[in-house]
Amino acid sequence: LVTVITDHTCTACHSRVDVANANAARVPAAS
């Protein structure tokens, strides 16, 4: 109940901040 297998939350990929990587800046999926 801790380890994430999949995360299909829309904003998990479609955002400019990568929460899973120390909030690093990134290009949102498909911009």
Full PDB file with SEQRES, HELIX, SHEET, SSBOND, CRYST1, ORIGX, SCALE, CONECT and MASTER records, all heavy atoms in Angstrom:
SEQRES   1 A   31  LEU VAL THR VAL ILE THR ASP HIS THR CYS THR ALA CYS          
SEQRES   2 A   31  HIS SER ARG VAL ASP VAL ALA ASN ALA ASN ALA ALA ARG          
SEQRES   3 A   31  VAL PRO ALA ALA SER                                          
HELIX    1 AA1 CYS A   10  CYS A   13  1                                   4    
HELIX    2 AA2 VAL A   19  ASN A   21  5                                   3    
SHEET    1 AA1 2 VAL A  17  ASP A  18  0                                        
SHEET    2 AA1 2 ALA A  24  ALA A  25 -1                                        
CRYST1    1.000    1.000    1.000  90.00  90.00  90.00 P 1           1          
ORIGX1      1.000000  0.000000  0.000000        0.00000                         
ORIGX2      0.000000  1.000000  0.000000        0.00000                         
ORIGX3      0.000000  0.000000  1.000000        0.00000                         
SCALE1      1.000000  0.000000  0.000000        0.00000                         
SCALE2      0.000000  1.000000  0.000000        0.00000                         
SCALE3      0.000000  0.000000  1.000000        0.00000                         
ATOM      1  N   LEU A   1       0.815  -1.218   0.000  1.00  0.00           N  
ATOM      2  CA  LEU A   1       0.000   0.000   0.000  1.00  0.00           C  
ATOM      3  C   LEU A   1       0.850   1.271   0.000  1.00  0.00           C  
ATOM      4  O   LEU A   1       0.365   2.360   0.334  1.00  0.00           O  
ATOM      5  CB  LEU A   1      -0.957   0.022   1.196  1.00  0.00           C  
ATOM      6  CG  LEU A   1      -1.964  -1.142   1.284  1.00  0.00           C  
ATOM      7  CD1 LEU A   1      -2.861  -0.970   2.491  1.00  0.00           C  
ATOM      8  CD2 LEU A   1      -2.765  -1.261   0.013  1.00  0.00           C  
ATOM      9  N   VAL A   2       2.117   1.143  -0.396  1.00  0.00           N  
ATOM     10  CA  VAL A   2       3.014   2.294  -0.476  1.00  0.00           C  
ATOM     11  C   VAL A   2       3.641   2.391  -1.864  1.00  0.00           C  
ATOM     12  O   VAL A   2       3.658   3.462  -2.487  1.00  0.00           O  
ATOM     13  CB  VAL A   2       4.126   2.225   0.599  1.00  0.00           C  
ATOM     14  CG1 VAL A   2       5.117   3.375   0.420  1.00  0.00           C  
ATOM     15  CG2 VAL A   2       3.526   2.246   1.984  1.00  0.00           C  
ATOM     16  N   THR A   3       4.128   1.274  -2.356  1.00  0.00           N  
ATOM     17  CA  THR A   3       4.795   1.247  -3.651  1.00  0.00           C  
ATOM     18  C   THR A   3       3.790   1.481  -4.774  1.00  0.00           C  
ATOM     19  O   THR A   3       2.766   0.796  -4.851  1.00  0.00           O  
ATOM     20  CB  THR A   3       5.511  -0.088  -3.876  1.00  0.00           C  
ATOM     21  OG1 THR A   3       6.394  -0.335  -2.784  1.00  0.00           O  
ATOM     22  CG2 THR A   3       6.283  -0.081  -5.189  1.00  0.00           C  
ATOM     23  N   VAL A   4       4.082   2.459  -5.621  1.00  0.00           N  
ATOM     24  CA  VAL A   4       3.199   2.790  -6.735  1.00  0.00           C  
ATOM     25  C   VAL A   4       3.529   1.899  -7.924  1.00  0.00           C  
ATOM     26  O   VAL A   4       4.667   1.882  -8.404  1.00  0.00           O  
ATOM     27  CB  VAL A   4       3.334   4.268  -7.132  1.00  0.00           C  
ATOM     28  CG1 VAL A   4       2.495   4.571  -8.373  1.00  0.00           C  
ATOM     29  CG2 VAL A   4       2.923   5.166  -5.967  1.00  0.00           C  
ATOM     30  N   ILE A   5       2.540   1.130  -8.380  1.00  0.00           N  
ATOM     31  CA  ILE A   5       2.722   0.282  -9.560  1.00  0.00           C  
ATOM     32  C   ILE A   5       2.434   1.076 -10.824  1.00  0.00           C  
ATOM     33  O   ILE A   5       3.238   1.106 -11.756  1.00  0.00           O  
ATOM     34  CB  ILE A   5       1.811  -0.962  -9.477  1.00  0.00           C  
ATOM     35  CG1 ILE A   5       2.167  -1.796  -8.244  1.00  0.00           C  
ATOM     36  CG2 ILE A   5       1.925  -1.790 -10.754  1.00  0.00           C  
ATOM     37  CD1 ILE A   5       1.244  -2.984  -8.040  1.00  0.00           C  
ATOM     38  N   THR A   6       1.292   1.747 -10.855  1.00  0.00           N  
ATOM     39  CA  THR A   6       0.939   2.619 -11.981  1.00  0.00           C  
ATOM     40  C   THR A   6       0.293   3.882 -11.444  1.00  0.00           C  
ATOM     41  O   THR A   6      -0.354   3.869 -10.393  1.00  0.00           O  
ATOM     42  CB  THR A   6      -0.039   1.940 -12.957  1.00  0.00           C  
ATOM     43  OG1 THR A   6      -1.260   1.615 -12.259  1.00  0.00           O  
ATOM     44  CG2 THR A   6       0.559   0.670 -13.561  1.00  0.00           C  
ATOM     45  N   ASP A   7       0.475   4.964 -12.154  1.00  0.00           N  
ATOM     46  CA  ASP A   7      -0.177   6.228 -11.820  1.00  0.00           C  
ATOM     47  C   ASP A   7      -0.725   6.823 -13.113  1.00  0.00           C  
ATOM     48  O   ASP A   7       0.010   7.376 -13.915  1.00  0.00           O  
ATOM     49  CB  ASP A   7       0.800   7.200 -11.161  1.00  0.00           C  
ATOM     50  CG  ASP A   7       0.095   8.464 -10.658  1.00  0.00           C  
ATOM     51  OD1 ASP A   7      -1.107   8.625 -10.938  1.00  0.00           O  
ATOM     52  OD2 ASP A   7       0.756   9.293  -9.993  1.00  0.00           O  
ATOM     53  N   HIS A   8      -2.029   6.675 -13.311  1.00  0.00           N  
ATOM     54  CA  HIS A   8      -2.682   7.168 -14.517  1.00  0.00           C  
ATOM     55  C   HIS A   8      -3.453   8.460 -14.255  1.00  0.00           C  
ATOM     56  O   HIS A   8      -4.329   8.831 -15.045  1.00  0.00           O  
ATOM     57  CB  HIS A   8      -3.611   6.094 -15.082  1.00  0.00           C  
ATOM     58  CG  HIS A   8      -2.877   4.890 -15.574  1.00  0.00           C  
ATOM     59  ND1 HIS A   8      -3.448   3.638 -15.629  1.00  0.00           N  
ATOM     60  CD2 HIS A   8      -1.592   4.739 -16.019  1.00  0.00           C  
ATOM     61  CE1 HIS A   8      -2.565   2.769 -16.099  1.00  0.00           C  
ATOM     62  NE2 HIS A   8      -1.434   3.425 -16.339  1.00  0.00           N  
ATOM     63  N   THR A   9      -3.139   9.135 -13.150  1.00  0.00           N  
ATOM     64  CA  THR A   9      -3.706  10.458 -12.918  1.00  0.00           C  
ATOM     65  C   THR A   9      -3.311  11.366 -14.079  1.00  0.00           C  
ATOM     66  O   THR A   9      -2.139  11.416 -14.462  1.00  0.00           O  
ATOM     67  CB  THR A   9      -3.175  11.035 -11.595  1.00  0.00           C  
ATOM     68  OG1 THR A   9      -3.432  10.117 -10.542  1.00  0.00           O  
ATOM     69  CG2 THR A   9      -3.819  12.384 -11.292  1.00  0.00           C  
ATOM     70  N   CYS A  10      -4.267  12.064 -14.657  1.00  0.00           N  
ATOM     71  CA  CYS A  10      -3.980  12.866 -15.852  1.00  0.00           C  
ATOM     72  C   CYS A  10      -2.833  13.837 -15.624  1.00  0.00           C  
ATOM     73  O   CYS A  10      -1.912  13.949 -16.439  1.00  0.00           O  
ATOM     74  CB  CYS A  10      -5.228  13.616 -16.293  1.00  0.00           C  
ATOM     75  SG  CYS A  10      -6.629  12.555 -16.719  1.00  0.00           S  
ATOM     76  N   THR A  11      -2.873  14.537 -14.488  1.00  0.00           N  
ATOM     77  CA  THR A  11      -1.852  15.552 -14.229  1.00  0.00           C  
ATOM     78  C   THR A  11      -0.526  14.959 -13.771  1.00  0.00           C  
ATOM     79  O   THR A  11       0.449  15.697 -13.600  1.00  0.00           O  
ATOM     80  CB  THR A  11      -2.363  16.555 -13.191  1.00  0.00           C  
ATOM     81  OG1 THR A  11      -2.874  15.840 -12.046  1.00  0.00           O  
ATOM     82  CG2 THR A  11      -3.470  17.422 -13.773  1.00  0.00           C  
ATOM     83  N   ALA A  12      -0.467  13.648 -13.582  1.00  0.00           N  
ATOM     84  CA  ALA A  12       0.815  13.027 -13.241  1.00  0.00           C  
ATOM     85  C   ALA A  12       1.786  13.113 -14.410  1.00  0.00           C  
ATOM     86  O   ALA A  12       2.999  13.156 -14.218  1.00  0.00           O  
ATOM     87  CB  ALA A  12       0.604  11.572 -12.838  1.00  0.00           C  
ATOM     88  N   CYS A  13       1.266  13.135 -15.627  1.00  0.00           N  
ATOM     89  CA  CYS A  13       2.103  13.261 -16.832  1.00  0.00           C  
ATOM     90  C   CYS A  13       1.920  14.612 -17.510  1.00  0.00           C  
ATOM     91  O   CYS A  13       2.863  15.153 -18.095  1.00  0.00           O  
ATOM     92  CB  CYS A  13       1.771  12.154 -17.833  1.00  0.00           C  
ATOM     93  SG  CYS A  13       2.167  10.489 -17.261  1.00  0.00           S  
ATOM     94  N   HIS A  14       0.693  15.137 -17.449  1.00  0.00           N  
ATOM     95  CA  HIS A  14       0.390  16.379 -18.159  1.00  0.00           C  
ATOM     96  C   HIS A  14       0.546  17.580 -17.234  1.00  0.00           C  
ATOM     97  O   HIS A  14      -0.415  18.285 -16.912  1.00  0.00           O  
ATOM     98  CB  HIS A  14      -1.022  16.310 -18.744  1.00  0.00           C  
ATOM     99  CG  HIS A  14      -1.174  15.278 -19.811  1.00  0.00           C  
ATOM    100  ND1 HIS A  14      -0.707  15.462 -21.095  1.00  0.00           N  
ATOM    101  CD2 HIS A  14      -1.715  14.033 -19.781  1.00  0.00           C  
ATOM    102  CE1 HIS A  14      -0.970  14.379 -21.826  1.00  0.00           C  
ATOM    103  NE2 HIS A  14      -1.576  13.499 -21.041  1.00  0.00           N  
ATOM    104  N   SER A  15       1.780  17.795 -16.790  1.00  0.00           N  
ATOM    105  CA  SER A  15       2.120  18.953 -15.956  1.00  0.00           C  
ATOM    106  C   SER A  15       3.585  19.293 -16.181  1.00  0.00           C  
ATOM    107  O   SER A  15       4.358  18.491 -16.701  1.00  0.00           O  
ATOM    108  CB  SER A  15       1.867  18.657 -14.476  1.00  0.00           C  
ATOM    109  OG  SER A  15       2.755  17.649 -14.012  1.00  0.00           O  
ATOM    110  N   ARG A  16       3.980  20.493 -15.772  1.00  0.00           N  
ATOM    111  CA  ARG A  16       5.348  20.965 -16.000  1.00  0.00           C  
ATOM    112  C   ARG A  16       6.275  20.642 -14.836  1.00  0.00           C  
ATOM    113  O   ARG A  16       7.444  21.024 -14.854  1.00  0.00           O  
ATOM    114  CB  ARG A  16       5.342  22.476 -16.252  1.00  0.00           C  
ATOM    115  CG  ARG A  16       4.477  22.891 -17.433  1.00  0.00           C  
ATOM    116  CD  ARG A  16       4.642  24.350 -17.744  1.00  0.00           C  
ATOM    117  NE  ARG A  16       3.693  24.763 -18.792  1.00  0.00           N  
ATOM    118  CZ  ARG A  16       3.899  25.775 -19.616  1.00  0.00           C  
ATOM    119  NH1 ARG A  16       5.005  26.493 -19.526  1.00  0.00           N  
ATOM    120  NH2 ARG A  16       3.006  26.087 -20.526  1.00  0.00           N  
ATOM    121  N   VAL A  17       5.759  19.942 -13.846  1.00  0.00           N  
ATOM    122  CA  VAL A  17       6.552  19.569 -12.675  1.00  0.00           C  
ATOM    123  C   VAL A  17       6.462  18.064 -12.480  1.00  0.00           C  
ATOM    124  O   VAL A  17       5.375  17.492 -12.450  1.00  0.00           O  
ATOM    125  CB  VAL A  17       6.060  20.305 -11.411  1.00  0.00           C  
ATOM    126  CG1 VAL A  17       6.815  19.815 -10.181  1.00  0.00           C  
ATOM    127  CG2 VAL A  17       6.218  21.800 -11.568  1.00  0.00           C  
ATOM    128  N   ASP A  18       7.597  17.422 -12.355  1.00  0.00           N  
ATOM    129  CA  ASP A  18       7.659  15.979 -12.143  1.00  0.00           C  
ATOM    130  C   ASP A  18       7.705  15.706 -10.646  1.00  0.00           C  
ATOM    131  O   ASP A  18       8.770  15.748 -10.018  1.00  0.00           O  
ATOM    132  CB  ASP A  18       8.895  15.402 -12.840  1.00  0.00           C  
ATOM    133  CG  ASP A  18       8.895  13.879 -12.846  1.00  0.00           C  
ATOM    134  OD1 ASP A  18       8.050  13.290 -12.159  1.00  0.00           O  
ATOM    135  OD2 ASP A  18       9.747  13.289 -13.538  1.00  0.00           O  
ATOM    136  N   VAL A  19       6.551  15.461 -10.055  1.00  0.00           N  
ATOM    137  CA  VAL A  19       6.451  15.263  -8.611  1.00  0.00           C  
ATOM    138  C   VAL A  19       7.273  14.061  -8.168  1.00  0.00           C  
ATOM    139  O   VAL A  19       7.884  14.063  -7.088  1.00  0.00           O  
ATOM    140  CB  VAL A  19       4.976  15.102  -8.196  1.00  0.00           C  
ATOM    141  CG1 VAL A  19       4.853  14.807  -6.703  1.00  0.00           C  
ATOM    142  CG2 VAL A  19       4.183  16.354  -8.559  1.00  0.00           C  
ATOM    143  N   ALA A  20       7.295  13.019  -9.009  1.00  0.00           N  
ATOM    144  CA  ALA A  20       8.022  11.797  -8.640  1.00  0.00           C  
ATOM    145  C   ALA A  20       9.528  11.971  -8.742  1.00  0.00           C  
ATOM    146  O   ALA A  20      10.285  11.081  -8.354  1.00  0.00           O  
ATOM    147  CB  ALA A  20       7.571  10.645  -9.535  1.00  0.00           C  
ATOM    148  N   ASN A  21       9.995  13.106  -9.262  1.00  0.00           N  
ATOM    149  CA  ASN A  21      11.427  13.343  -9.428  1.00  0.00           C  
ATOM    150  C   ASN A  21      11.811  14.690  -8.806  1.00  0.00           C  
ATOM    151  O   ASN A  21      12.341  15.583  -9.474  1.00  0.00           O  
ATOM    152  CB  ASN A  21      11.792  13.305 -10.918  1.00  0.00           C  
ATOM    153  CG  ASN A  21      13.286  13.377 -11.160  1.00  0.00           C  
ATOM    154  OD1 ASN A  21      14.099  13.038 -10.294  1.00  0.00           O  
ATOM    155  ND2 ASN A  21      13.654  13.843 -12.349  1.00  0.00           N  
ATOM    156  N   ALA A  22      11.478  14.813  -7.534  1.00  0.00           N  
ATOM    157  CA  ALA A  22      11.854  15.999  -6.746  1.00  0.00           C  
ATOM    158  C   ALA A  22      11.350  17.298  -7.376  1.00  0.00           C  
ATOM    159  O   ALA A  22      12.018  18.334  -7.326  1.00  0.00           O  
ATOM    160  CB  ALA A  22      13.367  16.053  -6.571  1.00  0.00           C  
ATOM    161  N   ASN A  23      10.180  17.236  -7.959  1.00  0.00           N  
ATOM    162  CA  ASN A  23       9.546  18.416  -8.557  1.00  0.00           C  
ATOM    163  C   ASN A  23      10.397  19.080  -9.637  1.00  0.00           C  
ATOM    164  O   ASN A  23      10.377  20.310  -9.814  1.00  0.00           O  
ATOM    165  CB  ASN A  23       9.187  19.439  -7.477  1.00  0.00           C  
ATOM    166  CG  ASN A  23       8.077  18.955  -6.567  1.00  0.00           C  
ATOM    167  OD1 ASN A  23       7.203  18.206  -6.985  1.00  0.00           O  
ATOM    168  ND2 ASN A  23       8.114  19.383  -5.316  1.00  0.00           N  
ATOM    169  N   ALA A  24      11.135  18.251 -10.368  1.00  0.00           N  
ATOM    170  CA  ALA A  24      11.968  18.784 -11.445  1.00  0.00           C  
ATOM    171  C   ALA A  24      11.093  19.292 -12.576  1.00  0.00           C  
ATOM    172  O   ALA A  24      10.010  18.766 -12.850  1.00  0.00           O  
ATOM    173  CB  ALA A  24      12.912  17.689 -11.955  1.00  0.00           C  
ATOM    174  N   ALA A  25      11.570  20.327 -13.256  1.00  0.00           N  
ATOM    175  CA  ALA A  25      10.853  20.843 -14.420  1.00  0.00           C  
ATOM    176  C   ALA A  25      10.901  19.824 -15.539  1.00  0.00           C  
ATOM    177  O   ALA A  25      11.917  19.141 -15.747  1.00  0.00           O  
ATOM    178  CB  ALA A  25      11.465  22.156 -14.870  1.00  0.00           C  
ATOM    179  N   ARG A  26       9.821  19.707 -16.261  1.00  0.00           N  
ATOM    180  CA  ARG A  26       9.768  18.784 -17.402  1.00  0.00           C  
ATOM    181  C   ARG A  26       8.720  19.250 -18.380  1.00  0.00           C  
ATOM    182  O   ARG A  26       7.812  20.021 -18.041  1.00  0.00           O  
ATOM    183  CB  ARG A  26       9.496  17.349 -16.937  1.00  0.00           C  
ATOM    184  CG  ARG A  26       8.229  17.158 -16.076  1.00  0.00           C  
ATOM    185  CD  ARG A  26       7.100  16.509 -16.851  1.00  0.00           C  
ATOM    186  NE  ARG A  26       5.876  16.442 -16.061  1.00  0.00           N  
ATOM    187  CZ  ARG A  26       5.515  15.368 -15.362  1.00  0.00           C  
ATOM    188  NH1 ARG A  26       6.259  14.297 -15.324  1.00  0.00           N  
ATOM    189  NH2 ARG A  26       4.353  15.388 -14.700  1.00  0.00           N  
ATOM    190  N   VAL A  27       8.822  18.773 -19.618  1.00  0.00           N  
ATOM    191  CA  VAL A  27       7.820  19.074 -20.639  1.00  0.00           C  
ATOM    192  C   VAL A  27       6.619  18.176 -20.397  1.00  0.00           C  
ATOM    193  O   VAL A  27       6.768  16.951 -20.300  1.00  0.00           O  
ATOM    194  CB  VAL A  27       8.388  18.850 -22.053  1.00  0.00           C  
ATOM    195  CG1 VAL A  27       7.286  19.017 -23.099  1.00  0.00           C  
ATOM    196  CG2 VAL A  27       9.539  19.810 -22.327  1.00  0.00           C  
ATOM    197  N   PRO A  28       5.410  18.733 -20.275  1.00  0.00           N  
ATOM    198  CA  PRO A  28       4.234  17.881 -20.102  1.00  0.00           C  
ATOM    199  C   PRO A  28       4.077  16.923 -21.281  1.00  0.00           C  
ATOM    200  O   PRO A  28       4.481  17.248 -22.414  1.00  0.00           O  
ATOM    201  CB  PRO A  28       3.072  18.879 -20.057  1.00  0.00           C  
ATOM    202  CG  PRO A  28       3.691  20.201 -19.777  1.00  0.00           C  
ATOM    203  CD  PRO A  28       5.059  20.153 -20.350  1.00  0.00           C  
ATOM    204  N   ALA A  29       3.537  15.757 -21.025  1.00  0.00           N  
ATOM    205  CA  ALA A  29       3.294  14.805 -22.109  1.00  0.00           C  
ATOM    206  C   ALA A  29       2.495  15.479 -23.205  1.00  0.00           C  
ATOM    207  O   ALA A  29       1.483  16.143 -22.942  1.00  0.00           O  
ATOM    208  CB  ALA A  29       2.547  13.584 -21.573  1.00  0.00           C  
ATOM    209  N   ALA A  30       2.962  15.350 -24.459  1.00  0.00           N  
ATOM    210  CA  ALA A  30       2.331  15.956 -25.630  1.00  0.00           C  
ATOM    211  C   ALA A  30       2.261  17.483 -25.535  1.00  0.00           C  
ATOM    212  O   ALA A  30       1.445  18.107 -26.204  1.00  0.00           O  
ATOM    213  CB  ALA A  30       0.941  15.378 -25.868  1.00  0.00           C  
ATOM    214  N   SER A  31       3.121  18.067 -24.695  1.00  0.00           N  
ATOM    215  CA  SER A  31       3.085  19.526 -24.458  1.00  0.00           C  
ATOM    216  C   SER A  31       1.694  19.980 -24.027  1.00  0.00           C  
ATOM    217  O   SER A  31       1.280  21.115 -24.292  1.00  0.00           O  
ATOM    218  CB  SER A  31       3.533  20.296 -25.702  1.00  0.00           C  
ATOM    219  OG  SER A  31       4.915  20.120 -25.934  1.00  0.00           O  
TER     220      SER A  31                                                      
MASTER        0    0    0    2    2    0    0    6  219    1    0    3          
END                                                                             
